[in-house]
Amino acid sequence: MYCIENKKYPCSTSLTMKYIGGKWKAVILMHLIEKKRYNELRKELPMVTERTISLQLKELEEDGLINRIVHTSKPPLRVEYELTDFGKTLIPVLKSIAQWGKEAAKTNEKIKTMK
């Protein structure tokens, strides 16, 4: 059993899902393997609402997986996001999930590939 701030997790899988669970966290993390500005991320995820992206980014930052970098040197204000060292430890996991999805798309006739 694991415990974070008095919340218990019965196994390591549930602990992992605390960090990357939900519909968009893993997707956002995958896109942040390369540092991105907020607007770049929004353009890459047009099916996700701005509110959802903002909430997920805030949670990922609170969990220590991403850094929010605010550049105020010249207007307009520029905000970038990047993985922390802790967040970078998820890169092999995220790439494995992506690879599994590619293989599933090849072998499962219920999955249709779209462009």
PDB file of N, CA and C in Angstrom:
ATOM      1  N   MET A   1       0.844  -1.174   0.000  1.00  0.00           N
ATOM      2  CA  MET A   1       0.000   0.000   0.000  1.00  0.00           C
ATOM      3  C   MET A   1       0.895   1.244   0.000  1.00  0.00           C
ATOM      4  N   TYR A   2       0.404   2.279  -0.676  1.00  0.00           N
ATOM      5  CA  TYR A   2       1.118   3.547  -0.773  1.00  0.00           C
ATOM      6  C   TYR A   2       0.211   4.659  -0.254  1.00  0.00           C
ATOM      7  N   CYS A   3       0.811   5.731   0.224  1.00  0.00           N
ATOM      8  CA  CYS A   3       0.026   6.828   0.778  1.00  0.00           C
ATOM      9  C   CYS A   3       0.651   8.156   0.359  1.00  0.00           C
ATOM     10  N   ILE A   4      -0.170   9.046  -0.177  1.00  0.00           N
ATOM     11  CA  ILE A   4       0.254  10.404  -0.509  1.00  0.00           C
ATOM     12  C   ILE A   4      -0.762  11.346   0.118  1.00  0.00           C
ATOM     13  N   GLU A   5      -0.276  12.214   0.991  1.00  0.00           N
ATOM     14  CA  GLU A   5      -1.135  13.193   1.656  1.00  0.00           C
ATOM     15  C   GLU A   5      -2.412  12.549   2.209  1.00  0.00           C
ATOM     16  N   ASN A   6      -2.246  11.466   2.940  1.00  0.00           N
ATOM     17  CA  ASN A   6      -3.331  10.730   3.597  1.00  0.00           C
ATOM     18  C   ASN A   6      -4.284  10.014   2.642  1.00  0.00           C
ATOM     19  N   LYS A   7      -3.974   9.993   1.348  1.00  0.00           N
ATOM     20  CA  LYS A   7      -4.782   9.218   0.410  1.00  0.00           C
ATOM     21  C   LYS A   7      -4.050   7.915   0.141  1.00  0.00           C
ATOM     22  N   LYS A   8      -4.757   6.801   0.287  1.00  0.00           N
ATOM     23  CA  LYS A   8      -4.135   5.486   0.149  1.00  0.00           C
ATOM     24  C   LYS A   8      -4.339   4.918  -1.249  1.00  0.00           C
ATOM     25  N   TYR A   9      -3.302   4.247  -1.715  1.00  0.00           N
ATOM     26  CA  TYR A   9      -3.318   3.569  -3.009  1.00  0.00           C
ATOM     27  C   TYR A   9      -2.957   2.117  -2.751  1.00  0.00           C
ATOM     28  N   PRO A  10      -3.817   1.171  -3.135  1.00  0.00           N
ATOM     29  CA  PRO A  10      -3.606  -0.233  -2.768  1.00  0.00           C
ATOM     30  C   PRO A  10      -2.462  -0.930  -3.482  1.00  0.00           C
ATOM     31  N   CYS A  11      -2.013  -0.373  -4.631  1.00  0.00           N
ATOM     32  CA  CYS A  11      -0.934  -1.025  -5.378  1.00  0.00           C
ATOM     33  C   CYS A  11      -0.199   0.013  -6.215  1.00  0.00           C
ATOM     34  N   SER A  12       0.920  -0.397  -6.787  1.00  0.00           N
ATOM     35  CA  SER A  12       1.715   0.533  -7.590  1.00  0.00           C
ATOM     36  C   SER A  12       0.976   0.975  -8.851  1.00  0.00           C
ATOM     37  N   THR A  13       0.110   0.124  -9.390  1.00  0.00           N
ATOM     38  CA  THR A  13      -0.665   0.512 -10.574  1.00  0.00           C
ATOM     39  C   THR A  13      -1.606   1.660 -10.235  1.00  0.00           C
ATOM     40  N   SER A  14      -2.283   1.577  -9.107  1.00  0.00           N
ATOM     41  CA  SER A  14      -3.192   2.661  -8.724  1.00  0.00           C
ATOM     42  C   SER A  14      -2.416   3.951  -8.443  1.00  0.00           C
ATOM     43  N   LEU A  15      -1.215   3.820  -7.901  1.00  0.00           N
ATOM     44  CA  LEU A  15      -0.367   4.986  -7.672  1.00  0.00           C
ATOM     45  C   LEU A  15       0.020   5.626  -9.011  1.00  0.00           C
ATOM     46  N   THR A  16       0.406   4.805  -9.973  1.00  0.00           N
ATOM     47  CA  THR A  16       0.751   5.313 -11.302  1.00  0.00           C
ATOM     48  C   THR A  16      -0.441   6.021 -11.935  1.00  0.00           C
ATOM     49  N   MET A  17      -1.621   5.421 -11.824  1.00  0.00           N
ATOM     50  CA  MET A  17      -2.816   6.013 -12.422  1.00  0.00           C
ATOM     51  C   MET A  17      -3.205   7.325 -11.742  1.00  0.00           C
ATOM     52  N   LYS A  18      -2.806   7.506 -10.488  1.00  0.00           N
ATOM     53  CA  LYS A  18      -3.033   8.788  -9.819  1.00  0.00           C
ATOM     54  C   LYS A  18      -2.337   9.900 -10.594  1.00  0.00           C
ATOM     55  N   TYR A  19      -1.169   9.589 -11.134  1.00  0.00           N
ATOM     56  CA  TYR A  19      -0.395  10.580 -11.871  1.00  0.00           C
ATOM     57  C   TYR A  19      -0.819  10.719 -13.334  1.00  0.00           C
ATOM     58  N   ILE A  20      -1.118   9.622 -14.009  1.00  0.00           N
ATOM     59  CA  ILE A  20      -1.374   9.697 -15.449  1.00  0.00           C
ATOM     60  C   ILE A  20      -2.792   9.301 -15.838  1.00  0.00           C
ATOM     61  N   GLY A  21      -3.626   8.995 -14.845  1.00  0.00           N
ATOM     62  CA  GLY A  21      -4.984   8.554 -15.127  1.00  0.00           C
ATOM     63  C   GLY A  21      -5.853   9.668 -15.682  1.00  0.00           C
ATOM     64  N   GLY A  22      -6.989   9.276 -16.188  1.00  0.00           N
ATOM     65  CA  GLY A  22      -7.898  10.231 -16.796  1.00  0.00           C
ATOM     66  C   GLY A  22      -7.735  10.209 -18.299  1.00  0.00           C
ATOM     67  N   LYS A  23      -8.605  10.919 -18.960  1.00  0.00           N
ATOM     68  CA  LYS A  23      -8.642  10.868 -20.421  1.00  0.00           C
ATOM     69  C   LYS A  23      -7.472  11.589 -21.092  1.00  0.00           C
ATOM     70  N   TRP A  24      -6.932  12.651 -20.471  1.00  0.00           N
ATOM     71  CA  TRP A  24      -5.978  13.490 -21.198  1.00  0.00           C
ATOM     72  C   TRP A  24      -4.595  13.630 -20.594  1.00  0.00           C
ATOM     73  N   LYS A  25      -4.371  13.235 -19.357  1.00  0.00           N
ATOM     74  CA  LYS A  25      -3.061  13.464 -18.741  1.00  0.00           C
ATOM     75  C   LYS A  25      -1.926  12.792 -19.497  1.00  0.00           C
ATOM     76  N   ALA A  26      -2.083  11.518 -19.816  1.00  0.00           N
ATOM     77  CA  ALA A  26      -1.013  10.809 -20.534  1.00  0.00           C
ATOM     78  C   ALA A  26      -0.781  11.429 -21.907  1.00  0.00           C
ATOM     79  N   VAL A  27      -1.859  11.854 -22.556  1.00  0.00           N
ATOM     80  CA  VAL A  27      -1.744  12.477 -23.882  1.00  0.00           C
ATOM     81  C   VAL A  27      -0.976  13.796 -23.772  1.00  0.00           C
ATOM     82  N   ILE A  28      -1.314  14.595 -22.789  1.00  0.00           N
ATOM     83  CA  ILE A  28      -0.616  15.870 -22.583  1.00  0.00           C
ATOM     84  C   ILE A  28       0.859  15.613 -22.268  1.00  0.00           C
ATOM     85  N   LEU A  29       1.122  14.659 -21.395  1.00  0.00           N
ATOM     86  CA  LEU A  29       2.514  14.343 -21.061  1.00  0.00           C
ATOM     87  C   LEU A  29       3.289  13.905 -22.297  1.00  0.00           C
ATOM     88  N   MET A  30       2.670  13.105 -23.140  1.00  0.00           N
ATOM     89  CA  MET A  30       3.334  12.639 -24.363  1.00  0.00           C
ATOM     90  C   MET A  30       3.692  13.833 -25.254  1.00  0.00           C
ATOM     91  N   HIS A  31       2.789  14.786 -25.353  1.00  0.00           N
ATOM     92  CA  HIS A  31       3.052  15.980 -26.164  1.00  0.00           C
ATOM     93  C   HIS A  31       4.116  16.867 -25.541  1.00  0.00           C
ATOM     94  N   LEU A  32       4.300  16.756 -24.225  1.00  0.00           N
ATOM     95  CA  LEU A  32       5.287  17.595 -23.540  1.00  0.00           C
ATOM     96  C   LEU A  32       6.662  16.934 -23.418  1.00  0.00           C
ATOM     97  N   ILE A  33       6.859  15.827 -24.132  1.00  0.00           N
ATOM     98  CA  ILE A  33       8.213  15.264 -24.175  1.00  0.00           C
ATOM     99  C   ILE A  33       9.160  16.335 -24.715  1.00  0.00           C
ATOM    100  N   GLU A  34       8.653  17.138 -25.625  1.00  0.00           N
ATOM    101  CA  GLU A  34       9.364  18.328 -26.100  1.00  0.00           C
ATOM    102  C   GLU A  34       8.699  19.539 -25.451  1.00  0.00           C
ATOM    103  N   LYS A  35       9.489  20.491 -24.952  1.00  0.00           N
ATOM    104  CA  LYS A  35       8.945  21.707 -24.337  1.00  0.00           C
ATOM    105  C   LYS A  35       7.990  22.381 -25.313  1.00  0.00           C
ATOM    106  N   LYS A  36       6.854  22.851 -24.793  1.00  0.00           N
ATOM    107  CA  LYS A  36       5.855  23.482 -25.659  1.00  0.00           C
ATOM    108  C   LYS A  36       5.270  24.726 -25.000  1.00  0.00           C
ATOM    109  N   ARG A  37       4.907  25.663 -25.841  1.00  0.00           N
ATOM    110  CA  ARG A  37       4.126  26.802 -25.383  1.00  0.00           C
ATOM    111  C   ARG A  37       2.681  26.340 -25.247  1.00  0.00           C
ATOM    112  N   TYR A  38       1.942  27.039 -24.416  1.00  0.00           N
ATOM    113  CA  TYR A  38       0.545  26.671 -24.184  1.00  0.00           C
ATOM    114  C   TYR A  38      -0.235  26.613 -25.490  1.00  0.00           C
ATOM    115  N   ASN A  39      -0.072  27.634 -26.334  1.00  0.00           N
ATOM    116  CA  ASN A  39      -0.825  27.674 -27.597  1.00  0.00           C
ATOM    117  C   ASN A  39      -0.452  26.531 -28.538  1.00  0.00           C
ATOM    118  N   GLU A  40       0.798  26.104 -28.528  1.00  0.00           N
ATOM    119  CA  GLU A  40       1.205  24.952 -29.335  1.00  0.00           C
ATOM    120  C   GLU A  40       0.455  23.705 -28.882  1.00  0.00           C
ATOM    121  N   LEU A  41       0.389  23.533 -27.580  1.00  0.00           N
ATOM    122  CA  LEU A  41      -0.309  22.383 -27.016  1.00  0.00           C
ATOM    123  C   LEU A  41      -1.787  22.421 -27.394  1.00  0.00           C
ATOM    124  N   ARG A  42      -2.406  23.585 -27.306  1.00  0.00           N
ATOM    125  CA  ARG A  42      -3.824  23.733 -27.676  1.00  0.00           C
ATOM    126  C   ARG A  42      -4.045  23.338 -29.140  1.00  0.00           C
ATOM    127  N   LYS A  43      -3.152  23.748 -30.023  1.00  0.00           N
ATOM    128  CA  LYS A  43      -3.301  23.433 -31.448  1.00  0.00           C
ATOM    129  C   LYS A  43      -3.144  21.935 -31.707  1.00  0.00           C
ATOM    130  N   GLU A  44      -2.291  21.278 -30.930  1.00  0.00           N
ATOM    131  CA  GLU A  44      -2.071  19.841 -31.109  1.00  0.00           C
ATOM    132  C   GLU A  44      -3.204  19.000 -30.533  1.00  0.00           C
ATOM    133  N   LEU A  45      -4.019  19.607 -29.675  1.00  0.00           N
ATOM    134  CA  LEU A  45      -5.122  18.886 -29.032  1.00  0.00           C
ATOM    135  C   LEU A  45      -6.441  19.634 -29.242  1.00  0.00           C
ATOM    136  N   PRO A  46      -6.866  19.796 -30.502  1.00  0.00           N
ATOM    137  CA  PRO A  46      -8.062  20.604 -30.769  1.00  0.00           C
ATOM    138  C   PRO A  46      -9.353  20.009 -30.204  1.00  0.00           C
ATOM    139  N   MET A  47      -9.368  18.706 -29.931  1.00  0.00           N
ATOM    140  CA  MET A  47     -10.568  18.073 -29.413  1.00  0.00           C
ATOM    141  C   MET A  47     -10.732  18.233 -27.906  1.00  0.00           C
ATOM    142  N   VAL A  48      -9.730  18.831 -27.249  1.00  0.00           N
ATOM    143  CA  VAL A  48      -9.756  19.022 -25.802  1.00  0.00           C
ATOM    144  C   VAL A  48     -10.080  20.483 -25.520  1.00  0.00           C
ATOM    145  N   THR A  49     -11.002  20.723 -24.597  1.00  0.00           N
ATOM    146  CA  THR A  49     -11.370  22.098 -24.298  1.00  0.00           C
ATOM    147  C   THR A  49     -10.222  22.819 -23.595  1.00  0.00           C
ATOM    148  N   GLU A  50     -10.206  24.123 -23.726  1.00  0.00           N
ATOM    149  CA  GLU A  50      -9.175  24.942 -23.085  1.00  0.00           C
ATOM    150  C   GLU A  50      -9.229  24.761 -21.569  1.00  0.00           C
ATOM    151  N   ARG A  51     -10.429  24.689 -21.019  1.00  0.00           N
ATOM    152  CA  ARG A  51     -10.590  24.503 -19.573  1.00  0.00           C
ATOM    153  C   ARG A  51      -9.976  23.181 -19.124  1.00  0.00           C
ATOM    154  N   THR A  52     -10.238  22.115 -19.876  1.00  0.00           N
ATOM    155  CA  THR A  52      -9.700  20.798 -19.521  1.00  0.00           C
ATOM    156  C   THR A  52      -8.183  20.806 -19.568  1.00  0.00           C
ATOM    157  N   ILE A  53      -7.614  21.377 -20.630  1.00  0.00           N
ATOM    158  CA  ILE A  53      -6.150  21.436 -20.728  1.00  0.00           C
ATOM    159  C   ILE A  53      -5.580  22.212 -19.538  1.00  0.00           C
ATOM    160  N   SER A  54      -6.175  23.343 -19.227  1.00  0.00           N
ATOM    161  CA  SER A  54      -5.687  24.150 -18.109  1.00  0.00           C
ATOM    162  C   SER A  54      -5.752  23.392 -16.788  1.00  0.00           C
ATOM    163  N   LEU A  55      -6.859  22.700 -16.536  1.00  0.00           N
ATOM    164  CA  LEU A  55      -6.994  21.934 -15.294  1.00  0.00           C
ATOM    165  C   LEU A  55      -5.987  20.789 -15.227  1.00  0.00           C
ATOM    166  N   GLN A  56      -5.817  20.086 -16.344  1.00  0.00           N
ATOM    167  CA  GLN A  56      -4.882  18.964 -16.367  1.00  0.00           C
ATOM    168  C   GLN A  56      -3.444  19.453 -16.178  1.00  0.00           C
ATOM    169  N   LEU A  57      -3.099  20.565 -16.824  1.00  0.00           N
ATOM    170  CA  LEU A  57      -1.760  21.127 -16.652  1.00  0.00           C
ATOM    171  C   LEU A  57      -1.514  21.516 -15.196  1.00  0.00           C
ATOM    172  N   LYS A  58      -2.513  22.103 -14.563  1.00  0.00           N
ATOM    173  CA  LYS A  58      -2.378  22.498 -13.154  1.00  0.00           C
ATOM    174  C   LYS A  58      -2.142  21.269 -12.276  1.00  0.00           C
ATOM    175  N   GLU A  59      -2.913  20.194 -12.506  1.00  0.00           N
ATOM    176  CA  GLU A  59      -2.741  18.965 -11.725  1.00  0.00           C
ATOM    177  C   GLU A  59      -1.368  18.344 -11.970  1.00  0.00           C
ATOM    178  N   LEU A  60      -0.943  18.308 -13.220  1.00  0.00           N
ATOM    179  CA  LEU A  60       0.369  17.742 -13.546  1.00  0.00           C
ATOM    180  C   LEU A  60       1.493  18.546 -12.899  1.00  0.00           C
ATOM    181  N   GLU A  61       1.317  19.869 -12.840  1.00  0.00           N
ATOM    182  CA  GLU A  61       2.312  20.713 -12.175  1.00  0.00           C
ATOM    183  C   GLU A  61       2.301  20.453 -10.664  1.00  0.00           C
ATOM    184  N   GLU A  62       1.116  20.366 -10.066  1.00  0.00           N
ATOM    185  CA  GLU A  62       1.007  20.098  -8.626  1.00  0.00           C
ATOM    186  C   GLU A  62       1.618  18.746  -8.264  1.00  0.00           C
ATOM    187  N   ASP A  63       1.513  17.779  -9.170  1.00  0.00           N
ATOM    188  CA  ASP A  63       2.070  16.447  -8.937  1.00  0.00           C
ATOM    189  C   ASP A  63       3.570  16.374  -9.215  1.00  0.00           C
ATOM    190  N   GLY A  64       4.146  17.478  -9.684  1.00  0.00           N
ATOM    191  CA  GLY A  64       5.586  17.518  -9.910  1.00  0.00           C
ATOM    192  C   GLY A  64       6.043  16.877 -11.208  1.00  0.00           C
ATOM    193  N   LEU A  65       5.108  16.680 -12.150  1.00  0.00           N
ATOM    194  CA  LEU A  65       5.469  16.053 -13.426  1.00  0.00           C
ATOM    195  C   LEU A  65       5.872  17.060 -14.494  1.00  0.00           C
ATOM    196  N   ILE A  66       5.373  18.291 -14.378  1.00  0.00           N
ATOM    197  CA  ILE A  66       5.717  19.327 -15.358  1.00  0.00           C
ATOM    198  C   ILE A  66       6.095  20.617 -14.642  1.00  0.00           C
ATOM    199  N   ASN A  67       6.852  21.437 -15.356  1.00  0.00           N
ATOM    200  CA  ASN A  67       7.175  22.785 -14.921  1.00  0.00           C
ATOM    201  C   ASN A  67       6.438  23.764 -15.813  1.00  0.00           C
ATOM    202  N   ARG A  68       5.929  24.815 -15.204  1.00  0.00           N
ATOM    203  CA  ARG A  68       5.321  25.925 -15.933  1.00  0.00           C
ATOM    204  C   ARG A  68       6.330  27.059 -15.900  1.00  0.00           C
ATOM    205  N   ILE A  69       6.744  27.501 -17.069  1.00  0.00           N
ATOM    206  CA  ILE A  69       7.760  28.545 -17.175  1.00  0.00           C
ATOM    207  C   ILE A  69       7.111  29.791 -17.773  1.00  0.00           C
ATOM    208  N   VAL A  70       7.126  30.876 -17.023  1.00  0.00           N
ATOM    209  CA  VAL A  70       6.537  32.132 -17.487  1.00  0.00           C
ATOM    210  C   VAL A  70       7.659  33.072 -17.899  1.00  0.00           C
ATOM    211  N   HIS A  71       7.624  33.502 -19.157  1.00  0.00           N
ATOM    212  CA  HIS A  71       8.609  34.456 -19.687  1.00  0.00           C
ATOM    213  C   HIS A  71       7.963  35.837 -19.718  1.00  0.00           C
ATOM    214  N   THR A  72       8.497  36.729 -18.918  1.00  0.00           N
ATOM    215  CA  THR A  72       7.932  38.079 -18.849  1.00  0.00           C
ATOM    216  C   THR A  72       8.877  39.125 -19.420  1.00  0.00           C
ATOM    217  N   SER A  73       9.931  38.667 -20.096  1.00  0.00           N
ATOM    218  CA  SER A  73      10.964  39.587 -20.564  1.00  0.00           C
ATOM    219  C   SER A  73      10.443  40.607 -21.568  1.00  0.00           C
ATOM    220  N   LYS A  74       9.506  40.197 -22.390  1.00  0.00           N
ATOM    221  CA  LYS A  74       8.934  41.157 -23.335  1.00  0.00           C
ATOM    222  C   LYS A  74       7.478  40.787 -23.591  1.00  0.00           C
ATOM    223  N   PRO A  75       6.632  41.780 -23.762  1.00  0.00           N
ATOM    224  CA  PRO A  75       5.237  41.469 -24.081  1.00  0.00           C
ATOM    225  C   PRO A  75       5.158  40.839 -25.456  1.00  0.00           C
ATOM    226  N   PRO A  76       4.225  39.985 -25.732  1.00  0.00           N
ATOM    227  CA  PRO A  76       3.235  39.473 -24.793  1.00  0.00           C
ATOM    228  C   PRO A  76       3.834  38.379 -23.897  1.00  0.00           C
ATOM    229  N   LEU A  77       3.176  38.159 -22.779  1.00  0.00           N
ATOM    230  CA  LEU A  77       3.573  37.128 -21.833  1.00  0.00           C
ATOM    231  C   LEU A  77       3.612  35.777 -22.543  1.00  0.00           C
ATOM    232  N   ARG A  78       4.648  34.995 -22.278  1.00  0.00           N
ATOM    233  CA  ARG A  78       4.790  33.680 -22.920  1.00  0.00           C
ATOM    234  C   ARG A  78       4.901  32.622 -21.831  1.00  0.00           C
ATOM    235  N   VAL A  79       4.100  31.560 -21.948  1.00  0.00           N
ATOM    236  CA  VAL A  79       4.119  30.469 -20.982  1.00  0.00           C
ATOM    237  C   VAL A  79       4.487  29.185 -21.704  1.00  0.00           C
ATOM    238  N   GLU A  80       5.461  28.470 -21.145  1.00  0.00           N
ATOM    239  CA  GLU A  80       5.882  27.183 -21.701  1.00  0.00           C
ATOM    240  C   GLU A  80       5.738  26.120 -20.625  1.00  0.00           C
ATOM    241  N   TYR A  81       5.601  24.889 -21.094  1.00  0.00           N
ATOM    242  CA  TYR A  81       5.529  23.746 -20.196  1.00  0.00           C
ATOM    243  C   TYR A  81       6.563  22.723 -20.629  1.00  0.00           C
ATOM    244  N   GLU A  82       7.174  22.077 -19.629  1.00  0.00           N
ATOM    245  CA  GLU A  82       8.148  21.030 -19.910  1.00  0.00           C
ATOM    246  C   GLU A  82       8.071  19.985 -18.807  1.00  0.00           C
ATOM    247  N   LEU A  83       8.513  18.785 -19.126  1.00  0.00           N
ATOM    248  CA  LEU A  83       8.560  17.731 -18.131  1.00  0.00           C
ATOM    249  C   LEU A  83       9.656  18.021 -17.111  1.00  0.00           C
ATOM    250  N   THR A  84       9.377  17.719 -15.859  1.00  0.00           N
ATOM    251  CA  THR A  84      10.409  17.778 -14.823  1.00  0.00           C
ATOM    252  C   THR A  84      11.260  16.512 -14.953  1.00  0.00           C
ATOM    253  N   ASP A  85      12.310  16.417 -14.178  1.00  0.00           N
ATOM    254  CA  ASP A  85      13.092  15.174 -14.171  1.00  0.00           C
ATOM    255  C   ASP A  85      12.209  14.003 -13.753  1.00  0.00           C
ATOM    256  N   PHE A  86      11.336  14.225 -12.774  1.00  0.00           N
ATOM    257  CA  PHE A  86      10.391  13.191 -12.347  1.00  0.00           C
ATOM    258  C   PHE A  86       9.449  12.830 -13.496  1.00  0.00           C
ATOM    259  N   GLY A  87       8.961  13.831 -14.213  1.00  0.00           N
ATOM    260  CA  GLY A  87       8.079  13.597 -15.352  1.00  0.00           C
ATOM    261  C   GLY A  87       8.773  12.837 -16.471  1.00  0.00           C
ATOM    262  N   LYS A  88      10.053  13.109 -16.672  1.00  0.00           N
ATOM    263  CA  LYS A  88      10.813  12.424 -17.724  1.00  0.00           C
ATOM    264  C   LYS A  88      10.941  10.929 -17.460  1.00  0.00           C
ATOM    265  N   THR A  89      10.811  10.516 -16.207  1.00  0.00           N
ATOM    266  CA  THR A  89      10.873   9.078 -15.916  1.00  0.00           C
ATOM    267  C   THR A  89       9.680   8.346 -16.515  1.00  0.00           C
ATOM    268  N   LEU A  90       8.635   9.080 -16.901  1.00  0.00           N
ATOM    269  CA  LEU A  90       7.454   8.477 -17.532  1.00  0.00           C
ATOM    270  C   LEU A  90       7.608   8.281 -19.044  1.00  0.00           C
ATOM    271  N   ILE A  91       8.635   8.864 -19.644  1.00  0.00           N
ATOM    272  CA  ILE A  91       8.776   8.793 -21.106  1.00  0.00           C
ATOM    273  C   ILE A  91       8.755   7.353 -21.616  1.00  0.00           C
ATOM    274  N   PRO A  92       9.511   6.411 -21.041  1.00  0.00           N
ATOM    275  CA  PRO A  92       9.436   5.031 -21.555  1.00  0.00           C
ATOM    276  C   PRO A  92       8.031   4.431 -21.409  1.00  0.00           C
ATOM    277  N   VAL A  93       7.350   4.769 -20.333  1.00  0.00           N
ATOM    278  CA  VAL A  93       5.982   4.274 -20.118  1.00  0.00           C
ATOM    279  C   VAL A  93       5.055   4.844 -21.184  1.00  0.00           C
ATOM    280  N   LEU A  94       5.130   6.150 -21.419  1.00  0.00           N
ATOM    281  CA  LEU A  94       4.283   6.806 -22.409  1.00  0.00           C
ATOM    282  C   LEU A  94       4.543   6.264 -23.812  1.00  0.00           C
ATOM    283  N   LYS A  95       5.812   6.054 -24.141  1.00  0.00           N
ATOM    284  CA  LYS A  95       6.142   5.511 -25.463  1.00  0.00           C
ATOM    285  C   LYS A  95       5.646   4.076 -25.611  1.00  0.00           C
ATOM    286  N   SER A  96       5.698   3.308 -24.534  1.00  0.00           N
ATOM    287  CA  SER A  96       5.169   1.933 -24.573  1.00  0.00           C
ATOM    288  C   SER A  96       3.660   1.940 -24.776  1.00  0.00           C
ATOM    289  N   ILE A  97       2.970   2.852 -24.105  1.00  0.00           N
ATOM    290  CA  ILE A  97       1.518   2.966 -24.280  1.00  0.00           C
ATOM    291  C   ILE A  97       1.197   3.329 -25.733  1.00  0.00           C
ATOM    292  N   ALA A  98       1.938   4.281 -26.289  1.00  0.00           N
ATOM    293  CA  ALA A  98       1.721   4.691 -27.681  1.00  0.00           C
ATOM    294  C   ALA A  98       1.977   3.531 -28.644  1.00  0.00           C
ATOM    295  N   GLN A  99       3.044   2.785 -28.403  1.00  0.00           N
ATOM    296  CA  GLN A  99       3.360   1.639 -29.258  1.00  0.00           C
ATOM    297  C   GLN A  99       2.279   0.576 -29.172  1.00  0.00           C
ATOM    298  N   TRP A 100       1.790   0.331 -27.967  1.00  0.00           N
ATOM    299  CA  TRP A 100       0.710  -0.645 -27.792  1.00  0.00           C
ATOM    300  C   TRP A 100      -0.507  -0.222 -28.609  1.00  0.00           C
ATOM    301  N   GLY A 101      -0.828   1.074 -28.577  1.00  0.00           N
ATOM    302  CA  GLY A 101      -1.962   1.583 -29.354  1.00  0.00           C
ATOM    303  C   GLY A 101      -1.776   1.376 -30.850  1.00  0.00           C
ATOM    304  N   LYS A 102      -0.554   1.587 -31.353  1.00  0.00           N
ATOM    305  CA  LYS A 102      -0.278   1.362 -32.780  1.00  0.00           C
ATOM    306  C   LYS A 102      -0.476  -0.104 -33.145  1.00  0.00           C
ATOM    307  N   GLU A 103       0.031  -0.984 -32.308  1.00  0.00           N
ATOM    308  CA  GLU A 103      -0.110  -2.425 -32.566  1.00  0.00           C
ATOM    309  C   GLU A 103      -1.570  -2.853 -32.482  1.00  0.00           C
ATOM    310  N   ALA A 104      -2.292  -2.327 -31.512  1.00  0.00           N
ATOM    311  CA  ALA A 104      -3.714  -2.656 -31.377  1.00  0.00           C
ATOM    312  C   ALA A 104      -4.482  -2.205 -32.606  1.00  0.00           C
ATOM    313  N   ALA A 105      -4.134  -1.037 -33.141  1.00  0.00           N
ATOM    314  CA  ALA A 105      -4.803  -0.527 -34.333  1.00  0.00           C
ATOM    315  C   ALA A 105      -4.555  -1.422 -35.549  1.00  0.00           C
ATOM    316  N   LYS A 106      -3.387  -2.042 -35.604  1.00  0.00           N
ATOM    317  CA  LYS A 106      -3.061  -2.936 -36.719  1.00  0.00           C
ATOM    318  C   LYS A 106      -3.808  -4.265 -36.636  1.00  0.00           C
ATOM    319  N   THR A 107      -3.992  -4.757 -35.422  1.00  0.00           N
ATOM    320  CA  THR A 107      -4.494  -6.117 -35.246  1.00  0.00           C
ATOM    321  C   THR A 107      -5.972  -6.230 -34.875  1.00  0.00           C
ATOM    322  N   ASN A 108      -6.591  -5.147 -34.461  1.00  0.00           N
ATOM    323  CA  ASN A 108      -7.986  -5.191 -34.039  1.00  0.00           C
ATOM    324  C   ASN A 108      -8.858  -4.550 -35.111  1.00  0.00           C
ATOM    325  N   GLU A 109      -9.704  -5.370 -35.750  1.00  0.00           N
ATOM    326  CA  GLU A 109     -10.506  -4.855 -36.844  1.00  0.00           C
ATOM    327  C   GLU A 109     -11.550  -3.845 -36.398  1.00  0.00           C
ATOM    328  N   LYS A 110     -11.805  -3.741 -35.110  1.00  0.00           N
ATOM    329  CA  LYS A 110     -12.766  -2.759 -34.604  1.00  0.00           C
ATOM    330  C   LYS A 110     -12.170  -1.344 -34.591  1.00  0.00           C
ATOM    331  N   ILE A 111     -10.847  -1.253 -34.647  1.00  0.00           N
ATOM    332  CA  ILE A 111     -10.178   0.038 -34.595  1.00  0.00           C
ATOM    333  C   ILE A 111      -9.931   0.520 -36.020  1.00  0.00           C
ATOM    334  N   LYS A 112     -10.407   1.704 -36.320  1.00  0.00           N
ATOM    335  CA  LYS A 112     -10.203   2.291 -37.646  1.00  0.00           C
ATOM    336  C   LYS A 112      -9.184   3.418 -37.544  1.00  0.00           C
ATOM    337  N   THR A 113      -8.205   3.417 -38.441  1.00  0.00           N
ATOM    338  CA  THR A 113      -7.193   4.470 -38.482  1.00  0.00           C
ATOM    339  C   THR A 113      -7.735   5.622 -39.312  1.00  0.00           C
ATOM    340  N   MET A 114      -7.663   6.836 -38.746  1.00  0.00           N
ATOM    341  CA  MET A 114      -8.157   8.032 -39.445  1.00  0.00           C
ATOM    342  C   MET A 114      -7.015   9.020 -39.603  1.00  0.00           C
ATOM    343  N   LYS A 115      -7.143   9.881 -40.587  1.00  0.00           N
ATOM    344  CA  LYS A 115      -6.146  10.951 -40.783  1.00  0.00           C
ATOM    345  C   LYS A 115      -6.818  12.271 -40.741  1.00  0.00           C
TER     346      LYS A 115
END
